Amino acid sequence: MDDKRTKLEGNGDLKDNVAKYHARLHETESDRTLKCFFVLCDEIEAEGYDLSLSCYKTDVFEEVSHENPSVILDKLIAAVVGEIDGVELANIQSGIVRELLELKGMIG
């Protein structure tokens, strides 16, 4: 529903949640990485009736790898000034190139 309580087609997951609720008796374990899942009453009791999501939800983290910062800076400098050698690059000490060279000097 929108802010005026008008039903929007194709939005919301209430119907899906209601269907999962009615089918819950057939499930013994649910996937805790999903948007909604079931928790057994005994487990809630063991947690001291703590109903915060973080107690029961399983978070999935993906490892992200990045390029070496000096490689990224080389690409940025090449994008700004083109392919030139280090001597000419040192002579172009203006604007963003100067700042990129300073940054490259800091990281090695």
Protein backbone atom coordinates (compact mmCIF):
# COMPACT_ATOMS: atom_id res chain seq x y z
CA MET A 1 0.00 0.00 0.00
CA ASP A 2 1.13 3.51 -0.60
CA ASP A 3 1.00 6.37 1.91
CA LYS A 4 -2.74 6.80 1.24
CA ARG A 5 -3.39 3.09 1.93
CA THR A 6 -4.11 2.41 -1.75
CA LYS A 7 -3.16 -1.11 -2.75
CA LEU A 8 -0.28 -1.25 -5.22
CA GLU A 9 -0.14 -4.19 -7.61
CA GLY A 10 3.04 -6.23 -7.59
CA ASN A 11 4.36 -4.68 -4.38
CA GLY A 12 4.61 -6.10 -0.91
CA ASP A 13 5.19 -9.60 0.34
CA LEU A 14 2.23 -9.98 2.69
CA LYS A 15 0.58 -12.72 0.61
CA ASP A 16 3.83 -14.66 0.50
CA ASN A 17 4.27 -14.33 4.26
CA VAL A 18 0.69 -15.46 4.93
CA ALA A 19 1.17 -18.50 2.67
CA LYS A 20 4.40 -19.40 4.47
CA TYR A 21 2.68 -18.97 7.82
CA HIS A 22 -0.08 -21.40 6.88
CA ALA A 23 2.48 -23.91 5.56
CA ARG A 24 4.64 -23.65 8.68
CA LEU A 25 3.36 -26.85 10.32
CA HIS A 26 4.89 -28.91 7.55
CA GLU A 27 8.35 -27.43 8.08
CA THR A 28 10.70 -28.43 10.86
CA GLU A 29 13.56 -26.12 9.92
CA SER A 30 13.61 -22.95 7.84
CA ASP A 31 16.41 -21.12 6.05
CA ARG A 32 17.53 -18.33 8.38
CA THR A 33 19.21 -16.36 5.63
CA LEU A 34 15.86 -15.50 4.04
CA LYS A 35 13.69 -12.46 4.67
CA CYS A 36 11.33 -14.41 6.94
CA PHE A 37 11.88 -17.68 8.80
CA PHE A 38 10.54 -19.68 11.72
CA VAL A 39 12.11 -20.03 15.15
CA LEU A 40 11.10 -22.74 17.58
CA CYS A 41 9.52 -21.62 20.84
CA ASP A 42 12.13 -23.54 22.84
CA GLU A 43 14.91 -21.57 21.17
CA ILE A 44 13.19 -18.25 21.92
CA GLU A 45 12.78 -19.33 25.54
CA ALA A 46 16.46 -20.31 25.71
CA GLU A 47 17.40 -16.81 24.51
CA GLY A 48 15.41 -15.26 27.36
CA TYR A 49 12.48 -14.32 25.09
CA ASP A 50 14.73 -11.97 23.14
CA LEU A 51 12.84 -11.25 19.91
CA SER A 52 15.55 -9.27 18.15
CA LEU A 53 16.25 -10.52 14.66
CA SER A 54 20.01 -10.64 15.14
CA CYS A 55 19.69 -13.45 17.70
CA TYR A 56 18.22 -15.84 15.15
CA LYS A 57 19.07 -14.63 11.63
CA THR A 58 22.13 -16.05 9.90
CA ASP A 59 24.05 -13.38 8.00
CA VAL A 60 25.89 -14.35 4.84
CA PHE A 61 29.04 -12.39 4.10
CA GLU A 62 30.84 -12.49 0.78
CA GLU A 63 34.53 -11.80 0.56
CA VAL A 64 35.36 -8.84 -1.67
CA SER A 65 38.79 -8.48 -3.22
CA HIS A 66 40.16 -5.17 -4.43
CA GLU A 67 43.09 -4.22 -6.60
CA ASN A 68 46.26 -2.93 -5.06
CA PRO A 69 45.86 0.84 -4.35
CA SER A 70 48.97 1.71 -6.36
CA VAL A 71 47.51 -0.07 -9.41
CA ILE A 72 44.26 1.87 -9.01
CA LEU A 73 46.18 5.16 -8.76
CA ASP A 74 48.21 4.29 -11.87
CA LYS A 75 44.97 3.70 -13.76
CA LEU A 76 43.52 7.01 -12.51
CA ILE A 77 46.62 8.95 -13.49
CA ALA A 78 46.66 7.27 -16.92
CA ALA A 79 42.99 8.14 -17.38
CA VAL A 80 43.64 11.81 -16.59
CA VAL A 81 46.87 12.44 -18.50
CA GLY A 82 47.17 9.45 -20.83
CA GLU A 83 50.17 7.17 -21.29
CA ILE A 84 53.31 9.20 -20.53
CA ASP A 85 56.56 8.35 -18.77
CA GLY A 86 57.43 9.26 -15.17
CA VAL A 87 59.62 12.27 -16.06
CA GLU A 88 56.87 14.01 -18.01
CA LEU A 89 54.34 13.04 -15.33
CA ALA A 90 56.42 14.78 -12.65
CA ASN A 91 56.32 17.97 -14.74
CA ILE A 92 52.51 17.96 -14.89
CA GLN A 93 51.91 19.16 -11.34
CA SER A 94 48.43 20.58 -11.74
CA GLY A 95 45.08 19.89 -10.13
CA ILE A 96 44.06 16.32 -9.62
CA VAL A 97 47.29 14.91 -11.07
CA ARG A 98 49.30 16.56 -8.28
CA GLU A 99 46.96 15.14 -5.65
CA LEU A 100 47.06 11.66 -7.21
CA LEU A 101 50.87 11.76 -7.25
CA GLU A 102 50.91 12.81 -3.57
CA LEU A 103 48.57 9.96 -2.73
CA LYS A 104 50.71 7.51 -4.67
CA GLY A 105 53.78 8.74 -2.76
CA MET A 106 52.00 8.13 0.55
CA ILE A 107 51.12 4.52 -0.19
CA GLY A 108 54.43 3.68 -1.80
